[in-house]
Amino acid sequence: MAQPRQQASPAVLGQFLMLALAWGSSFLFIKIGLEGLSPSQMVLGRMLTGAAALLAVTAVTRQGLPRDPVVWGHLAVVSMLLCVVPFSLFTWAELYVSSGLASIYNATTPLMTLLVASVALPEERPNRSKLAGMVMGFAGAVVVLGPWSGFSGGEGPAQAACLLATLCYGLAFVYIRRFVSPRGLPALPVATVQVGLGAAVMLLLAPFTATAPVHLSLPVVLSVTALGVASTGLAYLWNTNIVSAWGATNASTVTYLTPAVGVTLGIAVLGEAISWNQPVGALIVIAGIALSQGRVPSRRHVGPLPHRTTATAHPADQTEPTHSAP
């Protein structure tokens, strides 16, 4: 259900910058958290704190949760594709790759969304511009991968896991658009159920997957808390406000900032090394996203790009493929 757009304001710009920082720093938080927790324990902590934050906001705003069992069933699928599986893949991958490299791979999410939508949604068949953008974007991903230099240890499978995670995001966004968005549900309760169901799944799996020794320290605890509350909880709320004020297309530009934040923090805080092909590939990916979203000037295009907002659980359920919370 479309909602009226609000006037842009300094407050919205501030939320946009906070959103880019929250999502871009997610990979740093994961890397630090892995110093004391296993990947499954990290995802469990993230989901629990994220669910708690969203439940608190839902209670304060007095918004009721959906009651239709069919809706809960759809949100359970979304939770697995948008939270549990990709969070687990990215977290495991960071055992072998840098946080900056993981953040670059996360930037391929809009391309994965467009790819899935072009196959699953007949009305989303790509035109020449979108097809060229996809080809350029995936060429950039190959440059980031750097297959000519070979792989050591689990680096190759870890990079593949990052791409598989963004494919999950793409599947989730298309699923949302087909089965959740048409119901016109309020965004906050939908996100609360989605993250809450993911937390429940991780709790059920914990006796089998989260049994490794725990080594808690202040940095580890703060990282898990920030990852759950800011990057999974508050970031969603900020994004909702941005989409409402600026429209989905303009809100999606956060996709361009999160890899820069992730790479910068990885270098500045963790001292991570970066090879020439990673930033070059990232720029090609971003150029492909811009082309696929119609941001590259065209003779046939006159006037502003259309905007469409819907009340759902994530920005990428909009008409334009957008981005993801890593």
C-alpha atoms as a PDB file:
ATOM      1  CA  MET A   1       0.000   0.000   0.000  1.00  0.00           C
ATOM      2  CA  ALA A   2       1.533   3.293  -1.054  1.00  0.00           C
ATOM      3  CA  GLN A   3       2.182   5.879   1.586  1.00  0.00           C
ATOM      4  CA  PRO A   4       2.450   9.631   1.081  1.00  0.00           C
ATOM      5  CA  ARG A   5       5.951  10.955   0.754  1.00  0.00           C
ATOM      6  CA  GLN A   6       7.145  13.380   3.380  1.00  0.00           C
ATOM      7  CA  GLN A   7       9.313  16.436   2.935  1.00  0.00           C
ATOM      8  CA  ALA A   8      13.014  15.719   3.151  1.00  0.00           C
ATOM      9  CA  SER A   9      14.660  17.251   6.209  1.00  0.00           C
ATOM     10  CA  PRO A  10      18.031  17.341   7.965  1.00  0.00           C
ATOM     11  CA  ALA A  11      16.669  14.646  10.288  1.00  0.00           C
ATOM     12  CA  VAL A  12      16.080  12.318   7.343  1.00  0.00           C
ATOM     13  CA  LEU A  13      19.562  13.038   6.003  1.00  0.00           C
ATOM     14  CA  GLY A  14      20.949  12.192   9.435  1.00  0.00           C
ATOM     15  CA  GLN A  15      19.074   8.885   9.431  1.00  0.00           C
ATOM     16  CA  PHE A  16      20.404   8.157   5.945  1.00  0.00           C
ATOM     17  CA  LEU A  17      23.971   8.619   7.142  1.00  0.00           C
ATOM     18  CA  MET A  18      23.312   6.551  10.264  1.00  0.00           C
ATOM     19  CA  LEU A  19      21.828   3.797   8.092  1.00  0.00           C
ATOM     20  CA  ALA A  20      24.893   3.724   5.859  1.00  0.00           C
ATOM     21  CA  LEU A  21      27.112   3.590   8.949  1.00  0.00           C
ATOM     22  CA  ALA A  22      25.028   0.869  10.630  1.00  0.00           C
ATOM     23  CA  TRP A  23      24.891  -1.418   7.606  1.00  0.00           C
ATOM     24  CA  GLY A  24      28.439  -0.677   6.505  1.00  0.00           C
ATOM     25  CA  SER A  25      29.832  -1.389   9.978  1.00  0.00           C
ATOM     26  CA  SER A  26      27.959  -4.684  10.307  1.00  0.00           C
ATOM     27  CA  PHE A  27      30.883  -6.580   8.847  1.00  0.00           C
ATOM     28  CA  LEU A  28      33.282  -5.003  11.329  1.00  0.00           C
ATOM     29  CA  PHE A  29      30.999  -6.031  14.211  1.00  0.00           C
ATOM     30  CA  ILE A  30      30.871  -9.586  12.862  1.00  0.00           C
ATOM     31  CA  LYS A  31      34.654  -9.782  12.610  1.00  0.00           C
ATOM     32  CA  ILE A  32      35.134  -8.565  16.190  1.00  0.00           C
ATOM     33  CA  GLY A  33      32.374 -10.811  17.545  1.00  0.00           C
ATOM     34  CA  LEU A  34      33.991 -13.863  15.986  1.00  0.00           C
ATOM     35  CA  GLU A  35      36.949 -13.358  18.325  1.00  0.00           C
ATOM     36  CA  GLY A  36      34.844 -14.825  21.141  1.00  0.00           C
ATOM     37  CA  LEU A  37      31.856 -16.522  19.518  1.00  0.00           C
ATOM     38  CA  SER A  38      31.204 -19.081  16.813  1.00  0.00           C
ATOM     39  CA  PRO A  39      29.278 -18.029  13.685  1.00  0.00           C
ATOM     40  CA  SER A  40      26.070 -19.664  14.989  1.00  0.00           C
ATOM     41  CA  GLN A  41      26.434 -17.930  18.344  1.00  0.00           C
ATOM     42  CA  MET A  42      26.948 -14.610  16.580  1.00  0.00           C
ATOM     43  CA  VAL A  43      23.800 -15.007  14.509  1.00  0.00           C
ATOM     44  CA  LEU A  44      21.846 -16.132  17.582  1.00  0.00           C
ATOM     45  CA  GLY A  45      22.953 -13.066  19.542  1.00  0.00           C
ATOM     46  CA  ARG A  46      22.210 -10.775  16.628  1.00  0.00           C
ATOM     47  CA  MET A  47      18.724 -12.153  16.078  1.00  0.00           C
ATOM     48  CA  LEU A  48      17.811 -12.069  19.769  1.00  0.00           C
ATOM     49  CA  THR A  49      18.927  -8.489  20.305  1.00  0.00           C
ATOM     50  CA  GLY A  50      17.383  -7.363  17.024  1.00  0.00           C
ATOM     51  CA  ALA A  51      14.066  -8.994  17.890  1.00  0.00           C
ATOM     52  CA  ALA A  52      14.137  -7.425  21.364  1.00  0.00           C
ATOM     53  CA  ALA A  53      14.729  -3.963  19.894  1.00  0.00           C
ATOM     54  CA  LEU A  54      11.892  -4.301  17.382  1.00  0.00           C
ATOM     55  CA  LEU A  55       9.513  -5.752  19.977  1.00  0.00           C
ATOM     56  CA  ALA A  56      10.250  -2.812  22.266  1.00  0.00           C
ATOM     57  CA  VAL A  57       9.518  -0.263  19.540  1.00  0.00           C
ATOM     58  CA  THR A  58       6.370  -2.156  18.506  1.00  0.00           C
ATOM     59  CA  ALA A  59       5.146  -2.136  22.113  1.00  0.00           C
ATOM     60  CA  VAL A  60       5.905   1.567  22.599  1.00  0.00           C
ATOM     61  CA  THR A  61       4.084   2.489  19.384  1.00  0.00           C
ATOM     62  CA  ARG A  62       1.246   0.089  20.267  1.00  0.00           C
ATOM     63  CA  GLN A  63       1.175  -1.596  16.889  1.00  0.00           C
ATOM     64  CA  GLY A  64      -0.392  -5.033  16.862  1.00  0.00           C
ATOM     65  CA  LEU A  65       1.271  -8.003  15.210  1.00  0.00           C
ATOM     66  CA  PRO A  66      -0.375  -9.761  12.233  1.00  0.00           C
ATOM     67  CA  ARG A  67      -2.851 -12.463  13.240  1.00  0.00           C
ATOM     68  CA  ASP A  68      -3.356 -14.314   9.965  1.00  0.00           C
ATOM     69  CA  PRO A  69      -1.515 -17.691  10.090  1.00  0.00           C
ATOM     70  CA  VAL A  70      -0.918 -17.474   6.340  1.00  0.00           C
ATOM     71  CA  VAL A  71       0.940 -14.196   6.844  1.00  0.00           C
ATOM     72  CA  TRP A  72       3.091 -15.789   9.550  1.00  0.00           C
ATOM     73  CA  GLY A  73       3.859 -18.637   7.163  1.00  0.00           C
ATOM     74  CA  HIS A  74       5.026 -16.229   4.471  1.00  0.00           C
ATOM     75  CA  LEU A  75       7.091 -14.275   6.992  1.00  0.00           C
ATOM     76  CA  ALA A  76       8.708 -17.507   8.169  1.00  0.00           C
ATOM     77  CA  VAL A  77       9.970 -18.074   4.617  1.00  0.00           C
ATOM     78  CA  VAL A  78      11.150 -14.463   4.419  1.00  0.00           C
ATOM     79  CA  SER A  79      12.899 -14.806   7.774  1.00  0.00           C
ATOM     80  CA  MET A  80      14.903 -17.786   6.568  1.00  0.00           C
ATOM     81  CA  LEU A  81      15.864 -16.152   3.256  1.00  0.00           C
ATOM     82  CA  LEU A  82      16.423 -12.622   4.564  1.00  0.00           C
ATOM     83  CA  CYS A  83      17.887 -13.285   8.012  1.00  0.00           C
ATOM     84  CA  VAL A  84      18.842 -16.771   9.175  1.00  0.00           C
ATOM     85  CA  VAL A  85      20.549 -18.184   6.068  1.00  0.00           C
ATOM     86  CA  PRO A  86      22.359 -15.081   4.723  1.00  0.00           C
ATOM     87  CA  PHE A  87      23.415 -13.909   8.196  1.00  0.00           C
ATOM     88  CA  SER A  88      24.872 -17.358   8.825  1.00  0.00           C
ATOM     89  CA  LEU A  89      26.659 -17.421   5.464  1.00  0.00           C
ATOM     90  CA  PHE A  90      28.206 -13.977   5.845  1.00  0.00           C
ATOM     91  CA  THR A  91      29.280 -14.679   9.424  1.00  0.00           C
ATOM     92  CA  TRP A  92      30.893 -17.995   8.513  1.00  0.00           C
ATOM     93  CA  ALA A  93      32.579 -16.379   5.499  1.00  0.00           C
ATOM     94  CA  GLU A  94      34.277 -13.804   7.706  1.00  0.00           C
ATOM     95  CA  LEU A  95      36.270 -16.574   9.320  1.00  0.00           C
ATOM     96  CA  TYR A  96      38.261 -16.618   6.054  1.00  0.00           C
ATOM     97  CA  VAL A  97      37.812 -13.236   4.328  1.00  0.00           C
ATOM     98  CA  SER A  98      38.158  -9.656   5.513  1.00  0.00           C
ATOM     99  CA  SER A  99      35.219  -7.600   6.707  1.00  0.00           C
ATOM    100  CA  GLY A 100      35.849  -5.116   3.905  1.00  0.00           C
ATOM    101  CA  LEU A 101      35.690  -7.806   1.232  1.00  0.00           C
ATOM    102  CA  ALA A 102      32.423  -9.161   2.703  1.00  0.00           C
ATOM    103  CA  SER A 103      30.935  -5.653   2.570  1.00  0.00           C
ATOM    104  CA  ILE A 104      31.877  -5.365  -1.109  1.00  0.00           C
ATOM    105  CA  TYR A 105      30.123  -8.632  -1.915  1.00  0.00           C
ATOM    106  CA  ASN A 106      27.046  -7.435  -0.045  1.00  0.00           C
ATOM    107  CA  ALA A 107      26.800  -4.641  -2.627  1.00  0.00           C
ATOM    108  CA  THR A 108      25.809  -7.213  -5.270  1.00  0.00           C
ATOM    109  CA  THR A 109      22.398  -7.615  -3.585  1.00  0.00           C
ATOM    110  CA  PRO A 110      20.516  -5.282  -5.990  1.00  0.00           C
ATOM    111  CA  LEU A 111      21.943  -7.223  -8.936  1.00  0.00           C
ATOM    112  CA  MET A 112      20.874 -10.542  -7.411  1.00  0.00           C
ATOM    113  CA  THR A 113      17.417  -9.113  -6.786  1.00  0.00           C
ATOM    114  CA  LEU A 114      17.129  -7.961 -10.386  1.00  0.00           C
ATOM    115  CA  LEU A 115      18.328 -11.354 -11.625  1.00  0.00           C
ATOM    116  CA  VAL A 116      15.773 -13.272  -9.551  1.00  0.00           C
ATOM    117  CA  ALA A 117      12.976 -10.833 -10.414  1.00  0.00           C
ATOM    118  CA  SER A 118      13.699 -11.121 -14.128  1.00  0.00           C
ATOM    119  CA  VAL A 119      13.224 -14.889 -13.881  1.00  0.00           C
ATOM    120  CA  ALA A 120      10.368 -15.105 -11.365  1.00  0.00           C
ATOM    121  CA  LEU A 121       8.313 -12.015 -12.240  1.00  0.00           C
ATOM    122  CA  PRO A 122       7.195 -11.716 -15.886  1.00  0.00           C
ATOM    123  CA  GLU A 123       6.552  -7.988 -15.467  1.00  0.00           C
ATOM    124  CA  GLU A 124      10.171  -7.495 -14.367  1.00  0.00           C
ATOM    125  CA  ARG A 125      11.843  -8.738 -17.532  1.00  0.00           C
ATOM    126  CA  PRO A 126      14.962  -6.601 -17.946  1.00  0.00           C
ATOM    127  CA  ASN A 127      15.287  -4.062 -20.729  1.00  0.00           C
ATOM    128  CA  ARG A 128      18.597  -3.409 -22.452  1.00  0.00           C
ATOM    129  CA  SER A 129      19.735  -0.981 -19.772  1.00  0.00           C
ATOM    130  CA  LYS A 130      18.980  -3.369 -16.905  1.00  0.00           C
ATOM    131  CA  LEU A 131      20.539  -6.302 -18.735  1.00  0.00           C
ATOM    132  CA  ALA A 132      23.699  -4.298 -19.423  1.00  0.00           C
ATOM    133  CA  GLY A 133      23.775  -3.251 -15.766  1.00  0.00           C
ATOM    134  CA  MET A 134      23.527  -6.847 -14.604  1.00  0.00           C
ATOM    135  CA  VAL A 135      26.320  -7.968 -16.932  1.00  0.00           C
ATOM    136  CA  MET A 136      28.531  -5.087 -15.791  1.00  0.00           C
ATOM    137  CA  GLY A 137      27.760  -5.716 -12.129  1.00  0.00           C
ATOM    138  CA  PHE A 138      28.544  -9.408 -12.234  1.00  0.00           C
ATOM    139  CA  ALA A 139      31.713  -8.681 -14.219  1.00  0.00           C
ATOM    140  CA  GLY A 140      32.686  -6.438 -11.318  1.00  0.00           C
ATOM    141  CA  ALA A 141      32.015  -9.284  -8.890  1.00  0.00           C
ATOM    142  CA  VAL A 142      34.441 -11.462 -10.880  1.00  0.00           C
ATOM    143  CA  VAL A 143      37.053  -8.711 -10.626  1.00  0.00           C
ATOM    144  CA  VAL A 144      36.522  -8.598  -6.852  1.00  0.00           C
ATOM    145  CA  LEU A 145      36.846 -12.385  -6.710  1.00  0.00           C
ATOM    146  CA  GLY A 146      40.204 -12.202  -8.511  1.00  0.00           C
ATOM    147  CA  PRO A 147      40.329 -15.848  -9.662  1.00  0.00           C
ATOM    148  CA  TRP A 148      43.655 -15.239 -11.445  1.00  0.00           C
ATOM    149  CA  SER A 149      45.459 -14.958  -8.098  1.00  0.00           C
ATOM    150  CA  GLY A 150      44.175 -18.266  -6.720  1.00  0.00           C
ATOM    151  CA  PHE A 151      42.738 -18.948  -3.266  1.00  0.00           C
ATOM    152  CA  SER A 152      44.182 -20.057   0.040  1.00  0.00           C
ATOM    153  CA  GLY A 153      42.455 -22.050   2.775  1.00  0.00           C
ATOM    154  CA  GLY A 154      38.709 -21.500   2.794  1.00  0.00           C
ATOM    155  CA  GLU A 155      38.873 -18.161   0.979  1.00  0.00           C
ATOM    156  CA  GLY A 156      37.266 -19.449  -2.223  1.00  0.00           C
ATOM    157  CA  PRO A 157      34.282 -21.140  -0.537  1.00  0.00           C
ATOM    158  CA  ALA A 158      33.907 -18.102   1.756  1.00  0.00           C
ATOM    159  CA  GLN A 159      33.600 -15.725  -1.187  1.00  0.00           C
ATOM    160  CA  ALA A 160      31.098 -18.094  -2.781  1.00  0.00           C
ATOM    161  CA  ALA A 161      29.146 -18.058   0.505  1.00  0.00           C
ATOM    162  CA  CYS A 162      28.962 -14.258   0.355  1.00  0.00           C
ATOM    163  CA  LEU A 163      27.467 -14.418  -3.136  1.00  0.00           C
ATOM    164  CA  LEU A 164      25.061 -17.149  -2.055  1.00  0.00           C
ATOM    165  CA  ALA A 165      23.965 -14.906   0.821  1.00  0.00           C
ATOM    166  CA  THR A 166      23.134 -12.050  -1.545  1.00  0.00           C
ATOM    167  CA  LEU A 167      21.257 -14.503  -3.764  1.00  0.00           C
ATOM    168  CA  CYS A 168      19.159 -15.368  -0.697  1.00  0.00           C
ATOM    169  CA  TYR A 169      18.427 -11.669  -0.278  1.00  0.00           C
ATOM    170  CA  GLY A 170      17.314 -11.486  -3.896  1.00  0.00           C
ATOM    171  CA  LEU A 171      15.008 -14.488  -3.472  1.00  0.00           C
ATOM    172  CA  ALA A 172      13.581 -12.968  -0.291  1.00  0.00           C
ATOM    173  CA  PHE A 173      12.840  -9.595  -1.862  1.00  0.00           C
ATOM    174  CA  VAL A 174      10.998 -11.153  -4.790  1.00  0.00           C
ATOM    175  CA  TYR A 175       9.057 -13.374  -2.375  1.00  0.00           C
ATOM    176  CA  ILE A 176       8.106 -10.299  -0.333  1.00  0.00           C
ATOM    177  CA  ARG A 177       6.884  -8.453  -3.399  1.00  0.00           C
ATOM    178  CA  ARG A 178       4.740 -11.369  -4.510  1.00  0.00           C
ATOM    179  CA  PHE A 179       3.277 -12.628  -1.221  1.00  0.00           C
ATOM    180  CA  VAL A 180       3.679  -9.924   1.443  1.00  0.00           C
ATOM    181  CA  SER A 181       3.595  -6.464  -0.150  1.00  0.00           C
ATOM    182  CA  PRO A 182       0.146  -6.895  -1.767  1.00  0.00           C
ATOM    183  CA  ARG A 183      -1.363  -7.328   1.708  1.00  0.00           C
ATOM    184  CA  GLY A 184      -0.514  -3.734   2.654  1.00  0.00           C
ATOM    185  CA  LEU A 185       0.635  -4.665   6.155  1.00  0.00           C
ATOM    186  CA  PRO A 186       2.268  -2.109   8.491  1.00  0.00           C
ATOM    187  CA  ALA A 187       6.026  -2.273   8.146  1.00  0.00           C
ATOM    188  CA  LEU A 188       7.112  -2.376  11.775  1.00  0.00           C
ATOM    189  CA  PRO A 189       4.987  -5.356  12.903  1.00  0.00           C
ATOM    190  CA  VAL A 190       6.003  -7.281   9.784  1.00  0.00           C
ATOM    191  CA  ALA A 191       9.687  -6.723  10.514  1.00  0.00           C
ATOM    192  CA  THR A 192       9.164  -7.631  14.166  1.00  0.00           C
ATOM    193  CA  VAL A 193       7.576 -10.962  13.270  1.00  0.00           C
ATOM    194  CA  GLN A 194      10.216 -11.627  10.633  1.00  0.00           C
ATOM    195  CA  VAL A 195      13.182 -11.053  12.953  1.00  0.00           C
ATOM    196  CA  GLY A 196      11.380 -12.704  15.887  1.00  0.00           C
ATOM    197  CA  LEU A 197      10.787 -15.884  13.902  1.00  0.00           C
ATOM    198  CA  GLY A 198      14.443 -15.913  12.906  1.00  0.00           C
ATOM    199  CA  ALA A 199      15.443 -15.612  16.556  1.00  0.00           C
ATOM    200  CA  ALA A 200      13.152 -18.523  17.411  1.00  0.00           C
ATOM    201  CA  VAL A 201      14.727 -20.682  14.696  1.00  0.00           C
ATOM    202  CA  MET A 202      18.213 -19.906  15.960  1.00  0.00           C
ATOM    203  CA  LEU A 203      17.163 -20.759  19.521  1.00  0.00           C
ATOM    204  CA  LEU A 204      15.831 -24.129  18.369  1.00  0.00           C
ATOM    205  CA  LEU A 205      19.072 -24.832  16.507  1.00  0.00           C
ATOM    206  CA  ALA A 206      21.328 -23.596  19.309  1.00  0.00           C
ATOM    207  CA  PRO A 207      21.691 -26.974  21.121  1.00  0.00           C
ATOM    208  CA  PHE A 208      23.094 -28.425  17.887  1.00  0.00           C
ATOM    209  CA  THR A 209      24.949 -25.503  16.276  1.00  0.00           C
ATOM    210  CA  ALA A 210      25.962 -23.085  19.050  1.00  0.00           C
ATOM    211  CA  THR A 211      27.854 -25.409  21.382  1.00  0.00           C
ATOM    212  CA  ALA A 212      31.378 -24.037  20.919  1.00  0.00           C
ATOM    213  CA  PRO A 213      33.150 -22.492  23.927  1.00  0.00           C
ATOM    214  CA  VAL A 214      32.241 -18.846  24.534  1.00  0.00           C
ATOM    215  CA  HIS A 215      34.916 -16.254  25.267  1.00  0.00           C
ATOM    216  CA  LEU A 216      33.154 -13.028  26.112  1.00  0.00           C
ATOM    217  CA  SER A 217      34.946  -9.706  26.273  1.00  0.00           C
ATOM    218  CA  LEU A 218      33.680  -6.131  26.211  1.00  0.00           C
ATOM    219  CA  PRO A 219      34.398  -5.685  22.462  1.00  0.00           C
ATOM    220  CA  VAL A 220      32.601  -8.948  21.660  1.00  0.00           C
ATOM    221  CA  VAL A 221      29.533  -8.050  23.741  1.00  0.00           C
ATOM    222  CA  LEU A 222      29.362  -4.521  22.331  1.00  0.00           C
ATOM    223  CA  SER A 223      29.733  -5.819  18.773  1.00  0.00           C
ATOM    224  CA  VAL A 224      26.879  -8.314  19.108  1.00  0.00           C
ATOM    225  CA  THR A 225      24.690  -5.667  20.748  1.00  0.00           C
ATOM    226  CA  ALA A 226      25.424  -3.079  18.050  1.00  0.00           C
ATOM    227  CA  LEU A 227      24.879  -5.666  15.320  1.00  0.00           C
ATOM    228  CA  GLY A 228      21.483  -6.624  16.691  1.00  0.00           C
ATOM    229  CA  VAL A 229      20.109  -3.321  17.969  1.00  0.00           C
ATOM    230  CA  ALA A 230      21.560  -0.912  15.389  1.00  0.00           C
ATOM    231  CA  SER A 231      22.227  -2.943  12.242  1.00  0.00           C
ATOM    232  CA  THR A 232      19.201  -5.230  12.524  1.00  0.00           C
ATOM    233  CA  GLY A 233      16.683  -3.224  14.567  1.00  0.00           C
ATOM    234  CA  LEU A 234      17.081   0.561  14.377  1.00  0.00           C
ATOM    235  CA  ALA A 235      18.481   0.457  10.841  1.00  0.00           C
ATOM    236  CA  TYR A 236      15.191  -0.959   9.632  1.00  0.00           C
ATOM    237  CA  LEU A 237      13.274   1.909  11.240  1.00  0.00           C
ATOM    238  CA  TRP A 238      15.617   4.506   9.747  1.00  0.00           C
ATOM    239  CA  ASN A 239      15.232   2.962   6.321  1.00  0.00           C
ATOM    240  CA  THR A 240      11.441   3.049   6.576  1.00  0.00           C
ATOM    241  CA  ASN A 241      11.526   6.780   7.281  1.00  0.00           C
ATOM    242  CA  ILE A 242      13.968   7.421   4.437  1.00  0.00           C
ATOM    243  CA  VAL A 243      11.854   5.516   1.888  1.00  0.00           C
ATOM    244  CA  SER A 244       8.780   7.428   3.044  1.00  0.00           C
ATOM    245  CA  ALA A 245      10.513  10.810   2.743  1.00  0.00           C
ATOM    246  CA  TRP A 246      12.688  10.355  -0.346  1.00  0.00           C
ATOM    247  CA  GLY A 247      11.132   7.437  -2.223  1.00  0.00           C
ATOM    248  CA  ALA A 248      12.568   3.988  -2.838  1.00  0.00           C
ATOM    249  CA  THR A 249      14.886   4.980  -5.677  1.00  0.00           C
ATOM    250  CA  ASN A 250      16.662   7.728  -3.759  1.00  0.00           C
ATOM    251  CA  ALA A 251      16.720   5.660  -0.566  1.00  0.00           C
ATOM    252  CA  SER A 252      18.498   2.877  -2.438  1.00  0.00           C
ATOM    253  CA  THR A 253      21.592   5.068  -2.872  1.00  0.00           C
ATOM    254  CA  VAL A 254      22.703   3.830   0.545  1.00  0.00           C
ATOM    255  CA  THR A 255      23.881   0.808  -1.469  1.00  0.00           C
ATOM    256  CA  TYR A 256      26.708   2.968  -2.793  1.00  0.00           C
ATOM    257  CA  LEU A 257      27.908   4.008   0.670  1.00  0.00           C
ATOM    258  CA  THR A 258      27.875   0.776   2.680  1.00  0.00           C
ATOM    259  CA  PRO A 259      30.844  -0.885   0.893  1.00  0.00           C
ATOM    260  CA  ALA A 260      32.912   2.278   1.365  1.00  0.00           C
ATOM    261  CA  VAL A 261      32.066   2.283   5.069  1.00  0.00           C
ATOM    262  CA  GLY A 262      32.851  -1.419   5.412  1.00  0.00           C
ATOM    263  CA  VAL A 263      36.198  -1.231   3.622  1.00  0.00           C
ATOM    264  CA  THR A 264      37.263   1.950   5.448  1.00  0.00           C
ATOM    265  CA  LEU A 265      36.464   0.529   8.878  1.00  0.00           C
ATOM    266  CA  GLY A 266      38.197  -2.750   8.050  1.00  0.00           C
ATOM    267  CA  ILE A 267      41.388  -0.902   7.157  1.00  0.00           C
ATOM    268  CA  ALA A 268      41.231   1.701   9.953  1.00  0.00           C
ATOM    269  CA  VAL A 269      40.111  -0.506  12.863  1.00  0.00           C
ATOM    270  CA  LEU A 270      41.378  -3.968  11.965  1.00  0.00           C
ATOM    271  CA  GLY A 271      44.312  -3.084   9.751  1.00  0.00           C
ATOM    272  CA  GLU A 272      42.970  -5.235   6.923  1.00  0.00           C
ATOM    273  CA  ALA A 273      44.899  -5.307   3.669  1.00  0.00           C
ATOM    274  CA  ILE A 274      43.174  -4.590   0.387  1.00  0.00           C
ATOM    275  CA  SER A 275      44.270  -5.553  -3.121  1.00  0.00           C
ATOM    276  CA  TRP A 276      43.783  -3.391  -6.214  1.00  0.00           C
ATOM    277  CA  ASN A 277      41.066  -5.588  -7.706  1.00  0.00           C
ATOM    278  CA  GLN A 278      38.690  -5.214  -4.748  1.00  0.00           C
ATOM    279  CA  PRO A 279      37.982  -1.453  -4.961  1.00  0.00           C
ATOM    280  CA  VAL A 280      38.123  -1.579  -8.770  1.00  0.00           C
ATOM    281  CA  GLY A 281      35.608  -4.434  -8.828  1.00  0.00           C
ATOM    282  CA  ALA A 282      33.427  -2.620  -6.284  1.00  0.00           C
ATOM    283  CA  LEU A 283      33.290   0.468  -8.505  1.00  0.00           C
ATOM    284  CA  ILE A 284      32.277  -1.691 -11.478  1.00  0.00           C
ATOM    285  CA  VAL A 285      29.554  -3.334  -9.369  1.00  0.00           C
ATOM    286  CA  ILE A 286      28.230   0.068  -8.284  1.00  0.00           C
ATOM    287  CA  ALA A 287      28.291   1.326 -11.877  1.00  0.00           C
ATOM    288  CA  GLY A 288      26.303  -1.746 -12.895  1.00  0.00           C
ATOM    289  CA  ILE A 289      23.752  -1.068 -10.151  1.00  0.00           C
ATOM    290  CA  ALA A 290      23.426   2.552 -11.278  1.00  0.00           C
ATOM    291  CA  LEU A 291      22.895   1.460 -14.885  1.00  0.00           C
ATOM    292  CA  SER A 292      20.349  -1.218 -13.946  1.00  0.00           C
ATOM    293  CA  GLN A 293      18.402   1.295 -11.820  1.00  0.00           C
ATOM    294  CA  GLY A 294      18.244   3.845 -14.616  1.00  0.00           C
ATOM    295  CA  ARG A 295      20.577   6.310 -12.924  1.00  0.00           C
ATOM    296  CA  VAL A 296      22.789   6.613 -15.999  1.00  0.00           C
ATOM    297  CA  PRO A 297      21.447   9.441 -18.221  1.00  0.00           C
ATOM    298  CA  SER A 298      19.558   8.258 -21.268  1.00  0.00           C
ATOM    299  CA  ARG A 299      18.188  10.173 -24.273  1.00  0.00           C
ATOM    300  CA  ARG A 300      14.864   8.425 -23.915  1.00  0.00           C
ATOM    301  CA  HIS A 301      14.443   9.401 -20.286  1.00  0.00           C
ATOM    302  CA  VAL A 302      12.773  12.723 -19.534  1.00  0.00           C
ATOM    303  CA  GLY A 303      11.774  13.918 -16.084  1.00  0.00           C
ATOM    304  CA  PRO A 304      12.313  12.399 -12.658  1.00  0.00           C
ATOM    305  CA  LEU A 305      12.439   8.688 -11.996  1.00  0.00           C
ATOM    306  CA  PRO A 306       9.210   7.222 -10.573  1.00  0.00           C
ATOM    307  CA  HIS A 307       8.993   6.463  -6.883  1.00  0.00           C
ATOM    308  CA  ARG A 308       7.001   3.790  -5.192  1.00  0.00           C
ATOM    309  CA  THR A 309       6.859   3.018  -1.504  1.00  0.00           C
ATOM    310  CA  THR A 310       5.216   0.119   0.236  1.00  0.00           C
ATOM    311  CA  ALA A 311       4.829  -0.830   3.854  1.00  0.00           C
ATOM    312  CA  THR A 312       6.877  -3.975   4.174  1.00  0.00           C
ATOM    313  CA  ALA A 313       9.776  -5.393   6.097  1.00  0.00           C
ATOM    314  CA  HIS A 314      12.674  -4.260   3.945  1.00  0.00           C
ATOM    315  CA  PRO A 315      13.643  -1.653   1.341  1.00  0.00           C
ATOM    316  CA  ALA A 316      14.147  -4.150  -1.427  1.00  0.00           C
ATOM    317  CA  ASP A 317      10.453  -4.966  -1.655  1.00  0.00           C
ATOM    318  CA  GLN A 318      10.104  -1.775  -3.659  1.00  0.00           C
ATOM    319  CA  THR A 319       9.764  -1.593  -7.414  1.00  0.00           C
ATOM    320  CA  GLU A 320      13.499  -0.919  -7.693  1.00  0.00           C
ATOM    321  CA  PRO A 321      15.851  -3.576  -6.325  1.00  0.00           C
ATOM    322  CA  THR A 322      17.713  -1.918  -3.495  1.00  0.00           C
ATOM    323  CA  HIS A 323      19.927  -3.109  -0.716  1.00  0.00           C
ATOM    324  CA  SER A 324      20.121  -5.257   2.323  1.00  0.00           C
ATOM    325  CA  ALA A 325      20.939  -5.315   5.929  1.00  0.00           C
ATOM    326  CA  PRO A 326      24.027  -7.504   6.087  1.00  0.00           C
END
